[in-house]
Amino acid sequence: MEQKLWSISELADECGVTTRTIRFYEDKGLLQPQRAGSNRVYNYKDKARLILILRGKRLGFSLEDIGEFLALYHAECDPAHASQLQYLLDKIQAKVKLLRQQQEDLALTLQELTRIETECLSHLKLPNSEEPLTP
């Protein structure tokens, strides 16, 4: 069975990123494509890695975290990937805790800003609208 290969531009198009993004992940050691002469060629594993990298970035994980996760996945000493799953679980739980705290902080900030806005409007005796004052 012949394995499908992508060029860098084909992979970029398929994953919705630029070729520069892919080269950046290569420079960071997260992707290691094969070469066909001077051209990079990417297989299904490379595409899967790129999808995982993009998903990790979208979820707010650092490139270091993503790299560790990918390295654990390829560790042959853990065929059930238990260490990878535990690492991922720990990172997810930490990220959820951080996001919940940020959500609380944001809610408090919005409440405070709304209170200050109301006070300003009250002092200016303006209707509660977004129309600016005219001099």
N, C-alpha and C. Protein backbone atom coordinates (compact mmCIF):
# COMPACT_ATOMS: atom_id res chain seq x y z
N MET A 1 0.84 -1.19 0.00
CA MET A 1 0.00 0.00 0.00
C MET A 1 0.88 1.25 0.00
N GLU A 2 0.62 2.13 -0.93
CA GLU A 2 1.41 3.35 -1.04
C GLU A 2 0.89 4.40 -0.07
N GLN A 3 1.81 5.02 0.64
CA GLN A 3 1.45 6.01 1.64
C GLN A 3 1.32 7.38 0.97
N LYS A 4 0.26 8.11 1.33
CA LYS A 4 0.06 9.46 0.79
C LYS A 4 1.11 10.39 1.37
N LEU A 5 1.67 11.22 0.53
CA LEU A 5 2.65 12.22 0.94
C LEU A 5 2.15 13.59 0.51
N TRP A 6 2.46 14.59 1.32
CA TRP A 6 2.09 15.97 1.02
C TRP A 6 3.34 16.81 0.88
N SER A 7 3.29 17.79 0.02
CA SER A 7 4.34 18.81 -0.02
C SER A 7 4.04 19.79 1.11
N ILE A 8 4.96 20.68 1.40
CA ILE A 8 4.74 21.64 2.48
C ILE A 8 3.53 22.54 2.17
N SER A 9 3.39 22.95 0.92
CA SER A 9 2.26 23.82 0.57
C SER A 9 0.94 23.06 0.61
N GLU A 10 0.94 21.80 0.20
CA GLU A 10 -0.28 20.99 0.28
C GLU A 10 -0.70 20.78 1.73
N LEU A 11 0.27 20.47 2.58
CA LEU A 11 -0.03 20.27 4.00
C LEU A 11 -0.53 21.56 4.63
N ALA A 12 0.10 22.67 4.30
CA ALA A 12 -0.31 23.97 4.82
C ALA A 12 -1.75 24.27 4.42
N ASP A 13 -2.06 24.08 3.15
CA ASP A 13 -3.43 24.32 2.66
C ASP A 13 -4.43 23.42 3.37
N GLU A 14 -4.09 22.16 3.49
CA GLU A 14 -5.02 21.20 4.10
C GLU A 14 -5.27 21.49 5.58
N CYS A 15 -4.27 22.01 6.26
CA CYS A 15 -4.40 22.28 7.70
C CYS A 15 -4.73 23.74 8.01
N GLY A 16 -4.84 24.58 6.99
CA GLY A 16 -5.22 25.96 7.18
C GLY A 16 -4.15 26.82 7.84
N VAL A 17 -2.90 26.54 7.55
CA VAL A 17 -1.79 27.33 8.09
C VAL A 17 -0.89 27.75 6.93
N THR A 18 0.12 28.54 7.25
CA THR A 18 1.08 28.95 6.22
C THR A 18 2.27 27.98 6.20
N THR A 19 2.98 28.00 5.12
CA THR A 19 4.20 27.18 5.06
C THR A 19 5.21 27.67 6.09
N ARG A 20 5.18 28.95 6.36
CA ARG A 20 6.07 29.53 7.39
C ARG A 20 5.78 28.91 8.75
N THR A 21 4.50 28.70 9.06
CA THR A 21 4.12 28.07 10.33
C THR A 21 4.71 26.67 10.41
N ILE A 22 4.61 25.92 9.34
CA ILE A 22 5.13 24.55 9.34
C ILE A 22 6.64 24.57 9.52
N ARG A 23 7.32 25.46 8.82
CA ARG A 23 8.78 25.56 8.97
C ARG A 23 9.16 25.96 10.40
N PHE A 24 8.36 26.82 11.02
CA PHE A 24 8.60 27.21 12.41
C PHE A 24 8.55 25.99 13.32
N TYR A 25 7.52 25.15 13.15
CA TYR A 25 7.41 23.95 13.97
C TYR A 25 8.54 22.97 13.69
N GLU A 26 9.02 22.95 12.47
CA GLU A 26 10.19 22.13 12.15
C GLU A 26 11.42 22.67 12.89
N ASP A 27 11.60 23.98 12.85
CA ASP A 27 12.75 24.59 13.54
C ASP A 27 12.73 24.30 15.04
N LYS A 28 11.54 24.18 15.60
CA LYS A 28 11.38 23.88 17.03
C LYS A 28 11.49 22.38 17.31
N GLY A 29 11.66 21.57 16.25
CA GLY A 29 11.84 20.13 16.42
C GLY A 29 10.54 19.37 16.60
N LEU A 30 9.41 20.01 16.35
CA LEU A 30 8.12 19.35 16.53
C LEU A 30 7.70 18.54 15.31
N LEU A 31 8.21 18.92 14.17
CA LEU A 31 7.96 18.19 12.92
C LEU A 31 9.31 17.85 12.29
N GLN A 32 9.40 16.65 11.76
CA GLN A 32 10.64 16.21 11.11
C GLN A 32 10.30 15.47 9.83
N PRO A 33 10.00 16.23 8.78
CA PRO A 33 9.58 15.59 7.54
C PRO A 33 10.72 14.85 6.86
N GLN A 34 10.32 13.96 6.00
CA GLN A 34 11.29 13.27 5.16
C GLN A 34 11.68 14.23 4.04
N ARG A 35 12.71 13.88 3.33
CA ARG A 35 13.13 14.69 2.18
C ARG A 35 13.06 13.83 0.93
N ALA A 36 12.60 14.44 -0.12
CA ALA A 36 12.65 13.83 -1.45
C ALA A 36 13.50 14.80 -2.27
N GLY A 37 14.79 14.54 -2.29
CA GLY A 37 15.72 15.49 -2.89
C GLY A 37 15.83 16.69 -1.96
N SER A 38 15.52 17.87 -2.47
CA SER A 38 15.58 19.06 -1.62
C SER A 38 14.20 19.45 -1.09
N ASN A 39 13.19 18.68 -1.45
CA ASN A 39 11.82 19.00 -1.04
C ASN A 39 11.42 18.25 0.23
N ARG A 40 10.67 18.94 1.08
CA ARG A 40 10.09 18.30 2.26
C ARG A 40 8.87 17.51 1.81
N VAL A 41 8.72 16.32 2.36
CA VAL A 41 7.49 15.55 2.12
C VAL A 41 6.98 15.08 3.48
N TYR A 42 5.67 15.16 3.62
CA TYR A 42 5.01 14.87 4.89
C TYR A 42 4.09 13.68 4.71
N ASN A 43 4.10 12.76 5.71
CA ASN A 43 3.24 11.59 5.66
C ASN A 43 2.07 11.78 6.65
N TYR A 44 1.26 10.73 6.82
CA TYR A 44 0.11 10.80 7.71
C TYR A 44 0.52 11.12 9.15
N LYS A 45 1.64 10.55 9.60
CA LYS A 45 2.10 10.84 10.96
C LYS A 45 2.47 12.31 11.13
N ASP A 46 3.13 12.86 10.12
CA ASP A 46 3.48 14.28 10.17
C ASP A 46 2.22 15.14 10.21
N LYS A 47 1.24 14.78 9.40
CA LYS A 47 -0.01 15.53 9.38
C LYS A 47 -0.71 15.42 10.74
N ALA A 48 -0.74 14.23 11.32
CA ALA A 48 -1.36 14.04 12.63
C ALA A 48 -0.63 14.86 13.69
N ARG A 49 0.70 14.88 13.63
CA ARG A 49 1.47 15.69 14.58
C ARG A 49 1.14 17.17 14.44
N LEU A 50 1.05 17.64 13.18
CA LEU A 50 0.71 19.04 12.96
C LEU A 50 -0.68 19.36 13.52
N ILE A 51 -1.61 18.48 13.30
CA ILE A 51 -2.97 18.70 13.83
C ILE A 51 -2.93 18.76 15.36
N LEU A 52 -2.15 17.87 15.98
CA LEU A 52 -2.02 17.91 17.45
C LEU A 52 -1.35 19.19 17.92
N ILE A 53 -0.33 19.64 17.20
CA ILE A 53 0.36 20.88 17.55
C ILE A 53 -0.62 22.04 17.49
N LEU A 54 -1.36 22.14 16.39
CA LEU A 54 -2.31 23.24 16.22
C LEU A 54 -3.41 23.19 17.27
N ARG A 55 -3.86 22.01 17.59
CA ARG A 55 -4.89 21.86 18.63
C ARG A 55 -4.34 22.29 19.99
N GLY A 56 -3.12 21.86 20.29
CA GLY A 56 -2.49 22.25 21.55
C GLY A 56 -2.32 23.75 21.66
N LYS A 57 -1.88 24.40 20.57
CA LYS A 57 -1.72 25.85 20.58
C LYS A 57 -3.07 26.53 20.76
N ARG A 58 -4.09 26.04 20.07
CA ARG A 58 -5.43 26.62 20.18
C ARG A 58 -5.96 26.52 21.61
N LEU A 59 -5.58 25.46 22.30
CA LEU A 59 -6.02 25.27 23.69
C LEU A 59 -5.11 26.00 24.69
N GLY A 60 -4.09 26.66 24.19
CA GLY A 60 -3.26 27.49 25.05
C GLY A 60 -2.04 26.82 25.63
N PHE A 61 -1.65 25.67 25.12
CA PHE A 61 -0.47 24.99 25.63
C PHE A 61 0.78 25.55 24.96
N SER A 62 1.88 25.54 25.71
CA SER A 62 3.14 26.04 25.17
C SER A 62 3.73 25.01 24.20
N LEU A 63 4.64 25.48 23.37
CA LEU A 63 5.32 24.55 22.45
C LEU A 63 6.12 23.51 23.23
N GLU A 64 6.65 23.91 24.37
CA GLU A 64 7.39 22.96 25.21
C GLU A 64 6.46 21.84 25.69
N ASP A 65 5.27 22.22 26.17
CA ASP A 65 4.30 21.21 26.61
C ASP A 65 3.92 20.29 25.46
N ILE A 66 3.67 20.87 24.30
CA ILE A 66 3.28 20.08 23.14
C ILE A 66 4.41 19.13 22.75
N GLY A 67 5.63 19.63 22.77
CA GLY A 67 6.78 18.79 22.44
C GLY A 67 6.93 17.63 23.39
N GLU A 68 6.73 17.87 24.69
CA GLU A 68 6.81 16.79 25.67
C GLU A 68 5.71 15.75 25.44
N PHE A 69 4.54 16.25 25.16
CA PHE A 69 3.41 15.35 24.89
C PHE A 69 3.70 14.46 23.67
N LEU A 70 4.20 15.08 22.61
CA LEU A 70 4.51 14.31 21.40
C LEU A 70 5.64 13.32 21.65
N ALA A 71 6.63 13.72 22.44
CA ALA A 71 7.75 12.81 22.75
C ALA A 71 7.26 11.61 23.55
N LEU A 72 6.35 11.84 24.48
CA LEU A 72 5.81 10.73 25.27
C LEU A 72 5.03 9.77 24.39
N TYR A 73 4.36 10.29 23.39
CA TYR A 73 3.56 9.46 22.50
C TYR A 73 4.44 8.47 21.75
N HIS A 74 5.64 8.90 21.43
CA HIS A 74 6.53 8.04 20.65
C HIS A 74 7.44 7.17 21.52
N ALA A 75 7.30 7.26 22.83
CA ALA A 75 8.10 6.42 23.73
C ALA A 75 7.62 4.98 23.61
N GLU A 76 8.50 4.12 23.15
CA GLU A 76 8.11 2.73 22.93
C GLU A 76 7.99 1.94 24.22
N CYS A 77 8.49 2.49 25.33
CA CYS A 77 8.43 1.76 26.59
C CYS A 77 7.03 1.81 27.21
N ASP A 78 6.13 2.58 26.61
CA ASP A 78 4.78 2.72 27.15
C ASP A 78 3.76 2.51 26.04
N PRO A 79 3.56 1.25 25.62
CA PRO A 79 2.65 1.01 24.49
C PRO A 79 1.20 1.41 24.76
N ALA A 80 0.78 1.48 26.02
CA ALA A 80 -0.58 1.89 26.33
C ALA A 80 -0.70 3.41 26.42
N HIS A 81 0.44 4.10 26.31
CA HIS A 81 0.49 5.56 26.36
C HIS A 81 -0.05 6.12 27.68
N ALA A 82 0.10 5.35 28.76
CA ALA A 82 -0.38 5.81 30.07
C ALA A 82 0.36 7.06 30.52
N SER A 83 1.67 7.12 30.30
CA SER A 83 2.43 8.29 30.74
C SER A 83 2.02 9.52 29.93
N GLN A 84 1.74 9.32 28.66
CA GLN A 84 1.27 10.42 27.82
C GLN A 84 -0.08 10.91 28.31
N LEU A 85 -0.97 9.99 28.59
CA LEU A 85 -2.30 10.38 29.06
C LEU A 85 -2.24 11.07 30.41
N GLN A 86 -1.38 10.59 31.30
CA GLN A 86 -1.25 11.23 32.61
C GLN A 86 -0.68 12.63 32.47
N TYR A 87 0.32 12.78 31.62
CA TYR A 87 0.91 14.09 31.36
C TYR A 87 -0.16 15.05 30.81
N LEU A 88 -0.91 14.56 29.83
CA LEU A 88 -1.96 15.38 29.24
C LEU A 88 -3.02 15.74 30.27
N LEU A 89 -3.43 14.77 31.07
CA LEU A 89 -4.43 15.03 32.11
C LEU A 89 -3.95 16.09 33.10
N ASP A 90 -2.70 15.98 33.53
CA ASP A 90 -2.13 16.97 34.47
C ASP A 90 -2.14 18.37 33.84
N LYS A 91 -1.73 18.46 32.58
CA LYS A 91 -1.68 19.75 31.90
C LYS A 91 -3.09 20.32 31.71
N ILE A 92 -4.03 19.46 31.36
CA ILE A 92 -5.42 19.90 31.16
C ILE A 92 -6.00 20.41 32.47
N GLN A 93 -5.79 19.67 33.54
CA GLN A 93 -6.34 20.09 34.84
C GLN A 93 -5.74 21.43 35.28
N ALA A 94 -4.46 21.61 35.05
CA ALA A 94 -3.82 22.89 35.40
C ALA A 94 -4.38 24.02 34.53
N LYS A 95 -4.57 23.75 33.25
CA LYS A 95 -5.10 24.76 32.33
C LYS A 95 -6.54 25.12 32.69
N VAL A 96 -7.36 24.13 33.03
CA VAL A 96 -8.76 24.38 33.43
C VAL A 96 -8.79 25.23 34.68
N LYS A 97 -7.94 24.91 35.65
CA LYS A 97 -7.88 25.70 36.89
C LYS A 97 -7.51 27.15 36.59
N LEU A 98 -6.50 27.35 35.75
CA LEU A 98 -6.08 28.69 35.38
C LEU A 98 -7.20 29.44 34.66
N LEU A 99 -7.85 28.79 33.70
CA LEU A 99 -8.92 29.45 32.94
C LEU A 99 -10.11 29.80 33.83
N ARG A 100 -10.42 28.94 34.78
CA ARG A 100 -11.52 29.26 35.71
C ARG A 100 -11.17 30.47 36.55
N GLN A 101 -9.93 30.56 36.99
CA GLN A 101 -9.50 31.73 37.77
C GLN A 101 -9.55 32.99 36.90
N GLN A 102 -9.10 32.88 35.66
CA GLN A 102 -9.15 34.02 34.75
C GLN A 102 -10.59 34.43 34.46
N GLN A 103 -11.48 33.45 34.37
CA GLN A 103 -12.90 33.72 34.14
C GLN A 103 -13.49 34.49 35.32
N GLU A 104 -13.14 34.07 36.52
CA GLU A 104 -13.60 34.79 37.72
C GLU A 104 -13.04 36.20 37.75
N ASP A 105 -11.75 36.34 37.46
CA ASP A 105 -11.12 37.66 37.44
C ASP A 105 -11.77 38.55 36.39
N LEU A 106 -12.06 38.00 35.24
CA LEU A 106 -12.70 38.77 34.17
C LEU A 106 -14.11 39.21 34.58
N ALA A 107 -14.87 38.32 35.21
CA ALA A 107 -16.21 38.67 35.66
C ALA A 107 -16.16 39.82 36.68
N LEU A 108 -15.21 39.75 37.60
CA LEU A 108 -15.06 40.82 38.59
C LEU A 108 -14.66 42.14 37.93
N THR A 109 -13.77 42.06 36.97
CA THR A 109 -13.33 43.27 36.26
C THR A 109 -14.50 43.89 35.49
N LEU A 110 -15.30 43.06 34.82
CA LEU A 110 -16.47 43.56 34.10
C LEU A 110 -17.47 44.21 35.05
N GLN A 111 -17.69 43.60 36.21
CA GLN A 111 -18.60 44.18 37.19
C GLN A 111 -18.10 45.56 37.64
N GLU A 112 -16.83 45.64 37.94
CA GLU A 112 -16.25 46.90 38.40
C GLU A 112 -16.32 47.97 37.32
N LEU A 113 -15.99 47.62 36.10
CA LEU A 113 -16.06 48.58 35.00
C LEU A 113 -17.49 49.05 34.75
N THR A 114 -18.44 48.13 34.83
CA THR A 114 -19.85 48.48 34.66
C THR A 114 -20.30 49.44 35.76
N ARG A 115 -19.87 49.17 36.98
CA ARG A 115 -20.20 50.06 38.11
C ARG A 115 -19.63 51.45 37.89
N ILE A 116 -18.37 51.52 37.46
CA ILE A 116 -17.73 52.81 37.21
C ILE A 116 -18.42 53.53 36.04
N GLU A 117 -18.77 52.79 35.01
CA GLU A 117 -19.48 53.37 33.87
C GLU A 117 -20.81 53.97 34.33
N THR A 118 -21.54 53.24 35.16
CA THR A 118 -22.82 53.72 35.67
C THR A 118 -22.63 55.00 36.48
N GLU A 119 -21.59 55.03 37.31
CA GLU A 119 -21.31 56.22 38.11
C GLU A 119 -20.97 57.41 37.21
N CYS A 120 -20.17 57.18 36.20
CA CYS A 120 -19.80 58.26 35.27
C CYS A 120 -21.04 58.79 34.56
N LEU A 121 -21.87 57.89 34.07
CA LEU A 121 -23.09 58.30 33.39
C LEU A 121 -24.01 59.08 34.32
N SER A 122 -24.08 58.64 35.55
CA SER A 122 -24.92 59.31 36.54
C SER A 122 -24.42 60.73 36.80
N HIS A 123 -23.11 60.87 36.95
CA HIS A 123 -22.53 62.19 37.20
C HIS A 123 -22.67 63.12 35.99
N LEU A 124 -22.66 62.54 34.82
CA LEU A 124 -22.81 63.34 33.62
C LEU A 124 -24.28 63.56 33.27
N LYS A 125 -25.16 62.86 33.99
CA LYS A 125 -26.59 62.93 33.76
C LYS A 125 -26.94 62.62 32.31
N LEU A 126 -26.31 61.61 31.78
CA LEU A 126 -26.59 61.16 30.42
C LEU A 126 -27.46 59.93 30.48
N PRO A 127 -28.26 59.72 29.47
CA PRO A 127 -28.98 58.43 29.40
C PRO A 127 -27.96 57.31 29.23
N ASN A 128 -28.32 56.14 29.64
CA ASN A 128 -27.42 54.99 29.56
C ASN A 128 -27.32 54.54 28.10
N SER A 129 -26.49 55.26 27.34
CA SER A 129 -26.30 54.95 25.93
C SER A 129 -24.84 55.03 25.59
N GLU A 130 -24.54 54.70 24.38
CA GLU A 130 -23.15 54.73 23.93
C GLU A 130 -22.88 55.97 23.11
N GLU A 131 -23.82 56.94 23.09
CA GLU A 131 -23.60 58.16 22.32
C GLU A 131 -22.59 59.04 23.06
N PRO A 132 -21.60 59.54 22.35
CA PRO A 132 -20.59 60.40 23.00
C PRO A 132 -21.15 61.79 23.29
N LEU A 133 -20.53 62.45 24.25
CA LEU A 133 -20.89 63.82 24.54
C LEU A 133 -20.52 64.70 23.36
N THR A 134 -21.38 65.67 23.03
CA THR A 134 -21.03 66.61 21.97
C THR A 134 -20.70 67.95 22.61
N PRO A 135 -19.55 68.52 22.26
CA PRO A 135 -19.13 69.79 22.88
C PRO A 135 -19.98 70.96 22.44
